[in-house]
Amino acid sequence: MVSASPIDALRADFPLTFPIPTPLNSPDVVTVRDAQREEDLLRNPFSFRSWWIAIQAANDSFNARIKTSKEEPGPSVLGPLAHPLARTALKRLTYLYESALVHFPGSFKLWKAYLQTRMNYVLGPKVVKRRAGGKKKFPDMKNALEEEKEDLEEWTGGLDPIVGWEEWKALVATFERALMWLPKVRPKDTSREIIHSYLRVRCSCQGYG
């Protein structure tokens, strides 16, 4: 019997976010400590504030736990997902965001925060390099397009695209779902923020596809 290579063993853990994690297919996305939160959300499913507070609290909690954890992280090729708690955090935050989007599918604020969270865990920290001298206050169309090209959106220390290829594809698919909803609600914001990030992620994926 041929044993799996180390790379294949790492790839077997992905994707973490597809199928969308739920208590039915991933029992660890909800714990006993989350019972009160789940009850509150069930009682107030159409309260955007309740969902937003729950998501932010879960995110802050995981960030604090990861910083103080003594558990050893995995291989560096896993990037932001090298720590076991980070992988759990991504699954639980995905569950919360997706549950909230069932009730608020057209929320630009919710989609933007969700996509940014997914990007942070897959691509790593974002670094925006701007050209020296700043931008003109009222640039003409030609200059505005040239300045846009020079504002390069980059990420560092992300999940290796070969090891985490399925996770990258799941991220692209989530962007595409967002683009199906958002143009109906916030076309200007969508075109500048969401589409720009989508194209950058899509191009990065195509380089390994």
N, C-alpha and C. Protein backbone atom coordinates (compact mmCIF):
# COMPACT_ATOMS: atom_id res chain seq x y z
N MET A 1 0.84 -1.21 0.00
CA MET A 1 0.00 0.00 0.00
C MET A 1 0.88 1.25 0.00
N VAL A 2 0.61 2.19 -0.93
CA VAL A 2 1.41 3.40 -1.04
C VAL A 2 0.88 4.45 -0.07
N SER A 3 1.76 4.98 0.76
CA SER A 3 1.34 5.99 1.73
C SER A 3 1.24 7.35 1.04
N ALA A 4 0.37 8.21 1.56
CA ALA A 4 0.17 9.53 0.99
C ALA A 4 1.39 10.40 1.25
N SER A 5 1.71 11.27 0.31
CA SER A 5 2.83 12.20 0.47
C SER A 5 2.44 13.26 1.50
N PRO A 6 3.44 13.96 2.09
CA PRO A 6 3.12 15.01 3.06
C PRO A 6 2.21 16.10 2.47
N ILE A 7 2.44 16.44 1.19
CA ILE A 7 1.61 17.46 0.55
C ILE A 7 0.17 16.98 0.43
N ASP A 8 0.00 15.72 0.02
CA ASP A 8 -1.36 15.17 -0.12
C ASP A 8 -2.07 15.13 1.23
N ALA A 9 -1.30 14.84 2.27
CA ALA A 9 -1.89 14.79 3.62
C ALA A 9 -2.40 16.17 4.03
N LEU A 10 -1.64 17.22 3.69
CA LEU A 10 -2.06 18.58 4.02
C LEU A 10 -3.26 19.00 3.17
N ARG A 11 -3.23 18.63 1.91
CA ARG A 11 -4.32 19.01 1.00
C ARG A 11 -5.64 18.36 1.40
N ALA A 12 -5.56 17.23 2.05
CA ALA A 12 -6.77 16.49 2.42
C ALA A 12 -7.66 17.26 3.39
N ASP A 13 -7.10 18.25 4.09
CA ASP A 13 -7.88 19.03 5.06
C ASP A 13 -8.73 20.11 4.39
N PHE A 14 -8.51 20.35 3.11
CA PHE A 14 -9.21 21.44 2.43
C PHE A 14 -10.18 20.92 1.38
N PRO A 15 -11.25 21.70 1.12
CA PRO A 15 -11.55 23.01 1.69
C PRO A 15 -12.23 22.92 3.06
N LEU A 16 -12.00 23.94 3.86
CA LEU A 16 -12.64 24.01 5.17
C LEU A 16 -14.03 24.64 5.08
N THR A 17 -14.25 25.39 4.01
CA THR A 17 -15.48 26.18 3.91
C THR A 17 -16.48 25.66 2.88
N PHE A 18 -16.21 24.50 2.32
CA PHE A 18 -17.17 23.89 1.40
C PHE A 18 -17.18 22.38 1.60
N PRO A 19 -18.37 21.80 1.79
CA PRO A 19 -19.67 22.47 1.91
C PRO A 19 -19.65 23.47 3.08
N ILE A 20 -20.56 24.42 3.01
CA ILE A 20 -20.63 25.43 4.07
C ILE A 20 -20.79 24.74 5.42
N PRO A 21 -19.90 25.03 6.36
CA PRO A 21 -19.98 24.37 7.67
C PRO A 21 -21.29 24.67 8.40
N THR A 22 -21.91 23.63 8.92
CA THR A 22 -23.12 23.75 9.74
C THR A 22 -23.00 22.74 10.87
N PRO A 23 -23.84 22.87 11.90
CA PRO A 23 -23.80 21.87 12.98
C PRO A 23 -24.07 20.45 12.50
N LEU A 24 -24.70 20.32 11.33
CA LEU A 24 -25.02 18.99 10.81
C LEU A 24 -23.81 18.30 10.18
N ASN A 25 -23.00 19.06 9.43
CA ASN A 25 -21.84 18.44 8.79
C ASN A 25 -20.52 18.71 9.49
N SER A 26 -20.54 19.68 10.44
CA SER A 26 -19.34 20.00 11.22
C SER A 26 -19.77 20.31 12.65
N PRO A 27 -19.94 19.29 13.46
CA PRO A 27 -20.45 19.49 14.83
C PRO A 27 -19.63 20.47 15.67
N ASP A 28 -18.34 20.68 15.30
CA ASP A 28 -17.51 21.56 16.11
C ASP A 28 -17.74 23.04 15.85
N VAL A 29 -18.63 23.40 14.89
CA VAL A 29 -18.83 24.83 14.64
C VAL A 29 -19.69 25.49 15.72
N VAL A 30 -20.39 24.69 16.49
CA VAL A 30 -21.18 25.20 17.61
C VAL A 30 -20.84 24.38 18.85
N THR A 31 -20.48 25.06 19.92
CA THR A 31 -20.15 24.39 21.18
C THR A 31 -21.18 24.74 22.24
N VAL A 32 -21.04 24.12 23.39
CA VAL A 32 -21.94 24.39 24.51
C VAL A 32 -21.89 25.86 24.90
N ARG A 33 -20.71 26.46 24.78
CA ARG A 33 -20.55 27.87 25.14
C ARG A 33 -21.31 28.80 24.18
N ASP A 34 -21.67 28.28 23.01
CA ASP A 34 -22.38 29.10 22.03
C ASP A 34 -23.90 28.99 22.14
N ALA A 35 -24.36 28.20 23.08
CA ALA A 35 -25.80 27.93 23.18
C ALA A 35 -26.63 29.21 23.35
N GLN A 36 -26.19 30.09 24.25
CA GLN A 36 -26.94 31.33 24.48
C GLN A 36 -26.97 32.19 23.23
N ARG A 37 -25.84 32.27 22.54
CA ARG A 37 -25.78 33.06 21.30
C ARG A 37 -26.74 32.50 20.25
N GLU A 38 -26.73 31.18 20.10
CA GLU A 38 -27.59 30.55 19.11
C GLU A 38 -29.06 30.78 19.44
N GLU A 39 -29.41 30.72 20.71
CA GLU A 39 -30.80 30.96 21.12
C GLU A 39 -31.21 32.39 20.82
N ASP A 40 -30.31 33.34 21.10
CA ASP A 40 -30.61 34.75 20.84
C ASP A 40 -30.82 35.01 19.35
N LEU A 41 -29.99 34.38 18.52
CA LEU A 41 -30.11 34.58 17.07
C LEU A 41 -31.37 33.92 16.52
N LEU A 42 -31.76 32.79 17.11
CA LEU A 42 -33.00 32.14 16.68
C LEU A 42 -34.21 32.99 17.03
N ARG A 43 -34.12 33.69 18.15
CA ARG A 43 -35.24 34.54 18.58
C ARG A 43 -35.29 35.84 17.77
N ASN A 44 -34.12 36.29 17.30
CA ASN A 44 -34.05 37.57 16.58
C ASN A 44 -33.32 37.40 15.24
N PRO A 45 -33.84 36.55 14.36
CA PRO A 45 -33.13 36.27 13.11
C PRO A 45 -33.03 37.47 12.16
N PHE A 46 -33.92 38.44 12.32
CA PHE A 46 -33.90 39.59 11.42
C PHE A 46 -33.30 40.83 12.07
N SER A 47 -32.58 40.63 13.15
CA SER A 47 -31.87 41.73 13.80
C SER A 47 -30.43 41.75 13.29
N PHE A 48 -30.14 42.69 12.39
CA PHE A 48 -28.79 42.77 11.83
C PHE A 48 -27.77 43.02 12.95
N ARG A 49 -28.15 43.86 13.89
CA ARG A 49 -27.24 44.19 14.99
C ARG A 49 -26.86 42.95 15.78
N SER A 50 -27.80 42.04 16.01
CA SER A 50 -27.52 40.82 16.77
C SER A 50 -26.51 39.94 16.03
N TRP A 51 -26.69 39.80 14.72
CA TRP A 51 -25.75 39.00 13.93
C TRP A 51 -24.37 39.64 13.91
N TRP A 52 -24.35 40.95 13.72
CA TRP A 52 -23.07 41.65 13.62
C TRP A 52 -22.28 41.54 14.93
N ILE A 53 -22.96 41.72 16.04
CA ILE A 53 -22.30 41.62 17.34
C ILE A 53 -21.79 40.20 17.57
N ALA A 54 -22.59 39.21 17.21
CA ALA A 54 -22.19 37.80 17.38
C ALA A 54 -20.95 37.48 16.55
N ILE A 55 -20.91 37.96 15.32
CA ILE A 55 -19.78 37.69 14.44
C ILE A 55 -18.52 38.38 14.95
N GLN A 56 -18.65 39.64 15.33
CA GLN A 56 -17.48 40.37 15.82
C GLN A 56 -16.95 39.77 17.12
N ALA A 57 -17.86 39.34 17.99
CA ALA A 57 -17.45 38.74 19.26
C ALA A 57 -16.70 37.43 19.02
N ALA A 58 -17.20 36.62 18.08
CA ALA A 58 -16.53 35.35 17.75
C ALA A 58 -15.16 35.60 17.15
N ASN A 59 -15.06 36.59 16.28
CA ASN A 59 -13.78 36.92 15.65
C ASN A 59 -12.77 37.40 16.69
N ASP A 60 -13.19 38.30 17.56
CA ASP A 60 -12.30 38.82 18.61
C ASP A 60 -11.85 37.71 19.55
N SER A 61 -12.77 36.81 19.88
CA SER A 61 -12.46 35.72 20.78
C SER A 61 -11.39 34.80 20.20
N PHE A 62 -11.53 34.47 18.92
CA PHE A 62 -10.55 33.59 18.28
C PHE A 62 -9.19 34.27 18.14
N ASN A 63 -9.20 35.55 17.81
CA ASN A 63 -7.93 36.26 17.69
C ASN A 63 -7.18 36.25 19.02
N ALA A 64 -7.91 36.45 20.12
CA ALA A 64 -7.28 36.45 21.44
C ALA A 64 -6.77 35.06 21.81
N ARG A 65 -7.56 34.05 21.50
CA ARG A 65 -7.15 32.67 21.83
C ARG A 65 -5.93 32.23 21.03
N ILE A 66 -5.86 32.62 19.78
CA ILE A 66 -4.72 32.24 18.94
C ILE A 66 -3.44 32.90 19.45
N LYS A 67 -3.55 34.15 19.89
CA LYS A 67 -2.37 34.87 20.38
C LYS A 67 -1.82 34.26 21.65
N THR A 68 -2.70 33.72 22.49
CA THR A 68 -2.25 33.19 23.78
C THR A 68 -2.09 31.67 23.77
N SER A 69 -2.45 31.03 22.67
CA SER A 69 -2.36 29.57 22.61
C SER A 69 -0.92 29.08 22.64
N LYS A 70 -0.69 27.99 23.34
CA LYS A 70 0.63 27.38 23.40
C LYS A 70 0.77 26.22 22.43
N GLU A 71 -0.32 25.96 21.70
CA GLU A 71 -0.30 24.88 20.73
C GLU A 71 0.59 25.25 19.55
N GLU A 72 1.39 24.31 19.10
CA GLU A 72 2.32 24.56 18.00
C GLU A 72 1.58 24.66 16.66
N PRO A 73 1.92 25.69 15.84
CA PRO A 73 1.30 25.80 14.53
C PRO A 73 1.83 24.73 13.58
N GLY A 74 1.14 24.51 12.50
CA GLY A 74 1.55 23.54 11.51
C GLY A 74 2.56 24.11 10.54
N PRO A 75 2.77 23.46 9.40
CA PRO A 75 3.75 23.90 8.40
C PRO A 75 3.46 25.31 7.88
N SER A 76 4.50 26.04 7.53
CA SER A 76 4.35 27.42 7.07
C SER A 76 3.57 27.53 5.76
N VAL A 77 3.51 26.44 4.97
CA VAL A 77 2.76 26.49 3.70
C VAL A 77 1.26 26.69 3.95
N LEU A 78 0.82 26.48 5.17
CA LEU A 78 -0.59 26.69 5.51
C LEU A 78 -0.90 28.16 5.77
N GLY A 79 0.14 28.99 5.83
CA GLY A 79 -0.07 30.42 5.99
C GLY A 79 -0.88 30.76 7.23
N PRO A 80 -1.90 31.63 7.10
CA PRO A 80 -2.72 32.02 8.24
C PRO A 80 -3.47 30.85 8.88
N LEU A 81 -3.58 29.74 8.16
CA LEU A 81 -4.32 28.58 8.67
C LEU A 81 -3.39 27.53 9.28
N ALA A 82 -2.15 27.91 9.56
CA ALA A 82 -1.20 26.97 10.14
C ALA A 82 -1.60 26.56 11.55
N HIS A 83 -2.23 27.48 12.28
CA HIS A 83 -2.63 27.17 13.65
C HIS A 83 -3.98 26.44 13.64
N PRO A 84 -4.10 25.34 14.38
CA PRO A 84 -5.37 24.60 14.43
C PRO A 84 -6.56 25.48 14.81
N LEU A 85 -6.35 26.43 15.73
CA LEU A 85 -7.43 27.32 16.12
C LEU A 85 -7.88 28.22 14.97
N ALA A 86 -6.95 28.57 14.09
CA ALA A 86 -7.30 29.41 12.95
C ALA A 86 -8.20 28.65 11.99
N ARG A 87 -7.94 27.37 11.83
CA ARG A 87 -8.78 26.56 10.95
C ARG A 87 -10.19 26.42 11.54
N THR A 88 -10.25 26.25 12.85
CA THR A 88 -11.55 26.19 13.51
C THR A 88 -12.27 27.53 13.40
N ALA A 89 -11.52 28.62 13.56
CA ALA A 89 -12.10 29.96 13.48
C ALA A 89 -12.71 30.21 12.11
N LEU A 90 -11.99 29.83 11.05
CA LEU A 90 -12.51 30.03 9.70
C LEU A 90 -13.82 29.29 9.50
N LYS A 91 -13.91 28.06 9.97
CA LYS A 91 -15.13 27.29 9.82
C LYS A 91 -16.28 27.92 10.59
N ARG A 92 -16.03 28.34 11.83
CA ARG A 92 -17.11 28.89 12.65
C ARG A 92 -17.55 30.26 12.15
N LEU A 93 -16.60 31.08 11.71
CA LEU A 93 -16.97 32.40 11.18
C LEU A 93 -17.72 32.25 9.87
N THR A 94 -17.32 31.28 9.05
CA THR A 94 -18.05 31.02 7.81
C THR A 94 -19.49 30.62 8.11
N TYR A 95 -19.66 29.77 9.10
CA TYR A 95 -21.00 29.35 9.52
C TYR A 95 -21.84 30.55 9.93
N LEU A 96 -21.26 31.46 10.73
CA LEU A 96 -22.00 32.62 11.21
C LEU A 96 -22.34 33.58 10.07
N TYR A 97 -21.36 33.88 9.24
CA TYR A 97 -21.61 34.79 8.12
C TYR A 97 -22.66 34.23 7.17
N GLU A 98 -22.53 32.96 6.84
CA GLU A 98 -23.48 32.35 5.91
C GLU A 98 -24.88 32.32 6.51
N SER A 99 -24.97 32.07 7.80
CA SER A 99 -26.28 32.07 8.47
C SER A 99 -26.90 33.46 8.45
N ALA A 100 -26.06 34.49 8.65
CA ALA A 100 -26.56 35.86 8.62
C ALA A 100 -27.01 36.25 7.21
N LEU A 101 -26.26 35.80 6.20
CA LEU A 101 -26.59 36.15 4.82
C LEU A 101 -27.89 35.52 4.34
N VAL A 102 -28.34 34.47 5.00
CA VAL A 102 -29.65 33.90 4.69
C VAL A 102 -30.73 34.95 4.89
N HIS A 103 -30.55 35.78 5.92
CA HIS A 103 -31.55 36.80 6.26
C HIS A 103 -31.23 38.16 5.65
N PHE A 104 -29.95 38.40 5.32
CA PHE A 104 -29.55 39.70 4.76
C PHE A 104 -28.69 39.49 3.51
N PRO A 105 -29.23 38.85 2.48
CA PRO A 105 -28.43 38.52 1.30
C PRO A 105 -27.95 39.73 0.50
N GLY A 106 -28.61 40.87 0.69
CA GLY A 106 -28.21 42.06 -0.06
C GLY A 106 -27.42 43.06 0.75
N SER A 107 -26.92 42.67 1.91
CA SER A 107 -26.17 43.60 2.76
C SER A 107 -24.74 43.76 2.28
N PHE A 108 -24.42 44.95 1.79
CA PHE A 108 -23.06 45.23 1.34
C PHE A 108 -22.08 45.12 2.51
N LYS A 109 -22.46 45.65 3.66
CA LYS A 109 -21.59 45.63 4.83
C LYS A 109 -21.24 44.21 5.23
N LEU A 110 -22.24 43.33 5.21
CA LEU A 110 -22.03 41.94 5.61
C LEU A 110 -21.16 41.19 4.60
N TRP A 111 -21.46 41.34 3.32
CA TRP A 111 -20.66 40.68 2.29
C TRP A 111 -19.21 41.15 2.31
N LYS A 112 -19.04 42.45 2.45
CA LYS A 112 -17.67 43.00 2.45
C LYS A 112 -16.86 42.44 3.60
N ALA A 113 -17.45 42.42 4.80
CA ALA A 113 -16.75 41.90 5.98
C ALA A 113 -16.48 40.41 5.82
N TYR A 114 -17.44 39.69 5.28
CA TYR A 114 -17.28 38.24 5.07
C TYR A 114 -16.15 37.93 4.10
N LEU A 115 -16.15 38.62 2.97
CA LEU A 115 -15.10 38.39 1.98
C LEU A 115 -13.73 38.76 2.53
N GLN A 116 -13.67 39.85 3.28
CA GLN A 116 -12.40 40.27 3.85
C GLN A 116 -11.90 39.23 4.86
N THR A 117 -12.81 38.68 5.63
CA THR A 117 -12.43 37.64 6.59
C THR A 117 -11.89 36.41 5.87
N ARG A 118 -12.60 35.97 4.85
CA ARG A 118 -12.14 34.80 4.08
C ARG A 118 -10.78 35.07 3.45
N MET A 119 -10.59 36.27 2.92
CA MET A 119 -9.32 36.63 2.30
C MET A 119 -8.19 36.64 3.32
N ASN A 120 -8.47 37.13 4.52
CA ASN A 120 -7.43 37.18 5.56
C ASN A 120 -6.91 35.79 5.89
N TYR A 121 -7.82 34.82 5.91
CA TYR A 121 -7.42 33.46 6.27
C TYR A 121 -6.77 32.69 5.11
N VAL A 122 -7.06 33.10 3.89
CA VAL A 122 -6.51 32.40 2.73
C VAL A 122 -5.30 33.12 2.14
N LEU A 123 -5.41 34.43 1.98
CA LEU A 123 -4.36 35.19 1.32
C LEU A 123 -3.34 35.79 2.29
N GLY A 124 -3.72 35.92 3.56
CA GLY A 124 -2.83 36.55 4.53
C GLY A 124 -3.08 38.04 4.63
N PRO A 125 -2.25 38.77 5.37
CA PRO A 125 -2.41 40.22 5.54
C PRO A 125 -2.29 40.96 4.20
N LYS A 126 -3.13 41.98 4.04
CA LYS A 126 -3.09 42.76 2.79
C LYS A 126 -2.12 43.92 2.92
N VAL A 127 -1.38 44.14 1.85
CA VAL A 127 -0.44 45.26 1.79
C VAL A 127 -0.78 46.06 0.54
N VAL A 128 -1.12 47.34 0.71
CA VAL A 128 -1.44 48.20 -0.42
C VAL A 128 -0.28 49.15 -0.64
N LYS A 129 0.34 49.04 -1.81
CA LYS A 129 1.47 49.90 -2.15
C LYS A 129 0.98 51.05 -3.02
N ARG A 130 1.13 52.26 -2.51
CA ARG A 130 0.69 53.43 -3.26
C ARG A 130 1.90 54.19 -3.79
N ARG A 131 1.70 54.82 -4.92
CA ARG A 131 2.81 55.57 -5.50
C ARG A 131 3.09 56.82 -4.69
N ALA A 132 4.32 57.26 -4.73
CA ALA A 132 4.73 58.44 -3.97
C ALA A 132 4.07 59.69 -4.54
N GLY A 133 3.81 60.66 -3.67
CA GLY A 133 3.27 61.94 -4.12
C GLY A 133 1.78 62.08 -3.99
N GLY A 134 1.08 60.96 -3.69
CA GLY A 134 -0.36 61.03 -3.50
C GLY A 134 -1.11 61.19 -4.80
N LYS A 135 -2.41 61.31 -4.68
CA LYS A 135 -3.28 61.43 -5.85
C LYS A 135 -3.79 62.85 -6.00
N LYS A 136 -4.17 63.17 -7.24
CA LYS A 136 -4.79 64.44 -7.47
C LYS A 136 -6.17 64.45 -6.83
N LYS A 137 -6.57 65.62 -6.33
CA LYS A 137 -7.87 65.69 -5.67
C LYS A 137 -9.01 65.42 -6.64
N PHE A 138 -8.90 65.98 -7.87
CA PHE A 138 -9.95 65.76 -8.87
C PHE A 138 -9.30 65.31 -10.18
N PRO A 139 -8.83 64.07 -10.24
CA PRO A 139 -8.17 63.59 -11.45
C PRO A 139 -9.17 63.40 -12.60
N ASP A 140 -8.68 63.58 -13.84
CA ASP A 140 -9.55 63.27 -14.97
C ASP A 140 -9.63 61.76 -15.11
N MET A 141 -10.47 61.28 -16.00
CA MET A 141 -10.71 59.84 -16.11
C MET A 141 -9.43 59.08 -16.44
N LYS A 142 -8.63 59.58 -17.36
CA LYS A 142 -7.41 58.89 -17.76
C LYS A 142 -6.45 58.76 -16.59
N ASN A 143 -6.24 59.87 -15.87
CA ASN A 143 -5.33 59.83 -14.73
C ASN A 143 -5.87 58.95 -13.61
N ALA A 144 -7.19 58.94 -13.43
CA ALA A 144 -7.79 58.12 -12.38
C ALA A 144 -7.55 56.65 -12.66
N LEU A 145 -7.68 56.24 -13.93
CA LEU A 145 -7.45 54.84 -14.29
C LEU A 145 -5.99 54.46 -14.11
N GLU A 146 -5.09 55.37 -14.47
CA GLU A 146 -3.66 55.09 -14.31
C GLU A 146 -3.29 54.96 -12.84
N GLU A 147 -3.87 55.82 -11.98
CA GLU A 147 -3.60 55.75 -10.55
C GLU A 147 -4.14 54.47 -9.95
N GLU A 148 -5.30 54.03 -10.45
CA GLU A 148 -5.90 52.79 -9.96
C GLU A 148 -4.98 51.61 -10.24
N LYS A 149 -4.35 51.60 -11.41
CA LYS A 149 -3.44 50.51 -11.76
C LYS A 149 -2.22 50.49 -10.86
N GLU A 150 -1.80 51.67 -10.39
CA GLU A 150 -0.58 51.75 -9.60
C GLU A 150 -0.82 51.47 -8.12
N ASP A 151 -2.09 51.43 -7.71
CA ASP A 151 -2.42 51.05 -6.33
C ASP A 151 -2.52 49.53 -6.30
N LEU A 152 -1.39 48.87 -6.15
CA LEU A 152 -1.35 47.42 -6.24
C LEU A 152 -1.77 46.78 -4.93
N GLU A 153 -2.79 45.91 -5.00
CA GLU A 153 -3.28 45.20 -3.84
C GLU A 153 -2.55 43.87 -3.74
N GLU A 154 -1.78 43.67 -2.69
CA GLU A 154 -1.00 42.46 -2.54
C GLU A 154 -1.24 41.86 -1.15
N TRP A 155 -0.91 40.58 -1.02
CA TRP A 155 -1.02 39.90 0.25
C TRP A 155 0.28 39.16 0.54
N THR A 156 0.54 38.94 1.80
CA THR A 156 1.77 38.25 2.17
C THR A 156 1.47 37.08 3.10
N GLY A 157 2.27 36.02 2.97
CA GLY A 157 2.15 34.89 3.88
C GLY A 157 0.86 34.12 3.80
N GLY A 158 0.29 34.00 2.59
CA GLY A 158 -0.97 33.31 2.45
C GLY A 158 -0.86 31.80 2.40
N LEU A 159 -2.00 31.15 2.32
CA LEU A 159 -2.08 29.69 2.18
C LEU A 159 -1.50 29.30 0.83
N ASP A 160 -0.58 28.37 0.81
CA ASP A 160 0.04 27.93 -0.43
C ASP A 160 -1.05 27.49 -1.41
N PRO A 161 -1.07 28.05 -2.64
CA PRO A 161 -2.14 27.73 -3.59
C PRO A 161 -2.17 26.28 -4.05
N ILE A 162 -1.06 25.59 -3.94
CA ILE A 162 -1.05 24.18 -4.33
C ILE A 162 -1.64 23.32 -3.22
N VAL A 163 -1.18 23.56 -2.00
CA VAL A 163 -1.71 22.82 -0.86
C VAL A 163 -3.18 23.16 -0.63
N GLY A 164 -3.51 24.44 -0.69
CA GLY A 164 -4.88 24.87 -0.39
C GLY A 164 -5.69 25.25 -1.61
N TRP A 165 -5.43 24.61 -2.74
CA TRP A 165 -6.11 24.94 -3.99
C TRP A 165 -7.62 24.92 -3.84
N GLU A 166 -8.17 23.92 -3.16
CA GLU A 166 -9.62 23.83 -3.00
C GLU A 166 -10.17 24.99 -2.18
N GLU A 167 -9.38 25.47 -1.22
CA GLU A 167 -9.82 26.62 -0.41
C GLU A 167 -9.81 27.89 -1.24
N TRP A 168 -8.82 28.04 -2.10
CA TRP A 168 -8.77 29.19 -3.00
C TRP A 168 -9.98 29.19 -3.93
N LYS A 169 -10.31 28.03 -4.48
CA LYS A 169 -11.47 27.94 -5.37
C LYS A 169 -12.76 28.27 -4.63
N ALA A 170 -12.85 27.84 -3.38
CA ALA A 170 -14.05 28.13 -2.58
C ALA A 170 -14.17 29.64 -2.34
N LEU A 171 -13.02 30.32 -2.18
CA LEU A 171 -13.04 31.77 -1.98
C LEU A 171 -13.52 32.47 -3.25
N VAL A 172 -13.03 32.04 -4.40
CA VAL A 172 -13.46 32.63 -5.67
C VAL A 172 -14.97 32.43 -5.86
N ALA A 173 -15.45 31.24 -5.53
CA ALA A 173 -16.88 30.95 -5.67
C ALA A 173 -17.72 31.86 -4.76
N THR A 174 -17.20 32.18 -3.58
CA THR A 174 -17.92 33.07 -2.66
C THR A 174 -17.97 34.48 -3.22
N PHE A 175 -16.88 34.94 -3.83
CA PHE A 175 -16.87 36.24 -4.49
C PHE A 175 -17.95 36.28 -5.58
N GLU A 176 -18.03 35.21 -6.35
CA GLU A 176 -18.99 35.18 -7.45
C GLU A 176 -20.43 35.21 -6.95
N ARG A 177 -20.67 34.57 -5.81
CA ARG A 177 -22.01 34.64 -5.20
C ARG A 177 -22.31 36.07 -4.77
N ALA A 178 -21.31 36.74 -4.18
CA ALA A 178 -21.52 38.12 -3.75
C ALA A 178 -21.85 39.02 -4.93
N LEU A 179 -21.16 38.81 -6.04
CA LEU A 179 -21.38 39.65 -7.22
C LEU A 179 -22.76 39.43 -7.84
N MET A 180 -23.39 38.31 -7.53
CA MET A 180 -24.74 38.05 -8.01
C MET A 180 -25.76 38.92 -7.25
N TRP A 181 -25.45 39.23 -5.99
CA TRP A 181 -26.38 39.98 -5.16
C TRP A 181 -26.11 41.48 -5.16
N LEU A 182 -24.86 41.86 -5.00
CA LEU A 182 -24.53 43.25 -4.70
C LEU A 182 -24.81 44.27 -5.80
N PRO A 183 -24.64 43.97 -7.08
CA PRO A 183 -24.94 45.00 -8.08
C PRO A 183 -26.37 45.52 -8.01
N LYS A 184 -27.27 44.72 -7.45
CA LYS A 184 -28.66 45.15 -7.33
C LYS A 184 -28.83 46.18 -6.21
N VAL A 185 -27.85 46.21 -5.31
CA VAL A 185 -27.98 47.04 -4.12
C VAL A 185 -27.04 48.23 -4.12
N ARG A 186 -25.74 47.95 -4.33
CA ARG A 186 -24.72 49.00 -4.27
C ARG A 186 -23.79 48.92 -5.48
N PRO A 187 -24.26 49.24 -6.67
CA PRO A 187 -23.43 49.05 -7.87
C PRO A 187 -22.11 49.80 -7.85
N LYS A 188 -22.08 51.03 -7.35
CA LYS A 188 -20.83 51.80 -7.38
C LYS A 188 -19.79 51.21 -6.43
N ASP A 189 -20.22 50.92 -5.20
CA ASP A 189 -19.30 50.33 -4.23
C ASP A 189 -18.82 48.98 -4.71
N THR A 190 -19.72 48.20 -5.29
CA THR A 190 -19.37 46.87 -5.77
C THR A 190 -18.28 46.96 -6.82
N SER A 191 -18.45 47.83 -7.79
CA SER A 191 -17.50 47.91 -8.90
C SER A 191 -16.11 48.31 -8.42
N ARG A 192 -16.03 49.14 -7.41
CA ARG A 192 -14.71 49.64 -7.00
C ARG A 192 -14.03 48.74 -5.99
N GLU A 193 -14.75 48.21 -5.04
CA GLU A 193 -14.13 47.44 -3.96
C GLU A 193 -14.18 45.93 -4.18
N ILE A 194 -15.37 45.40 -4.37
CA ILE A 194 -15.53 43.96 -4.46
C ILE A 194 -14.97 43.40 -5.77
N ILE A 195 -15.31 44.03 -6.89
CA ILE A 195 -14.85 43.51 -8.18
C ILE A 195 -13.34 43.59 -8.28
N HIS A 196 -12.73 44.68 -7.79
CA HIS A 196 -11.27 44.82 -7.86
C HIS A 196 -10.60 43.68 -7.10
N SER A 197 -11.07 43.40 -5.89
CA SER A 197 -10.49 42.31 -5.10
C SER A 197 -10.75 40.96 -5.75
N TYR A 198 -11.96 40.80 -6.31
CA TYR A 198 -12.30 39.54 -6.98
C TYR A 198 -11.34 39.25 -8.13
N LEU A 199 -11.08 40.25 -8.94
CA LEU A 199 -10.20 40.06 -10.10
C LEU A 199 -8.79 39.71 -9.66
N ARG A 200 -8.33 40.33 -8.58
CA ARG A 200 -6.98 40.03 -8.10
C ARG A 200 -6.90 38.59 -7.62
N VAL A 201 -7.91 38.15 -6.87
CA VAL A 201 -7.93 36.78 -6.36
C VAL A 201 -8.07 35.79 -7.51
N ARG A 202 -8.95 36.12 -8.47
CA ARG A 202 -9.17 35.23 -9.61
C ARG A 202 -7.89 35.07 -10.44
N CYS A 203 -7.19 36.18 -10.65
CA CYS A 203 -5.92 36.11 -11.41
C CYS A 203 -4.89 35.28 -10.67
N SER A 204 -4.85 35.41 -9.36
CA SER A 204 -3.90 34.63 -8.57
C SER A 204 -4.21 33.14 -8.70
N CYS A 205 -5.50 32.81 -8.69
CA CYS A 205 -5.92 31.42 -8.82
C CYS A 205 -5.56 30.86 -10.19
N GLN A 206 -5.77 31.65 -11.22
CA GLN A 206 -5.52 31.17 -12.58
C GLN A 206 -4.05 30.85 -12.79
N GLY A 207 -3.20 31.49 -12.00
CA GLY A 207 -1.77 31.21 -12.14
C GLY A 207 -1.39 29.82 -11.69
N TYR A 208 -2.32 29.15 -10.96
CA TYR A 208 -2.04 27.81 -10.45
C TYR A 208 -3.02 26.77 -10.97
N GLY A 209 -4.01 27.21 -11.74
CA GLY A 209 -5.04 26.31 -12.20
C GLY A 209 -4.58 25.45 -13.39
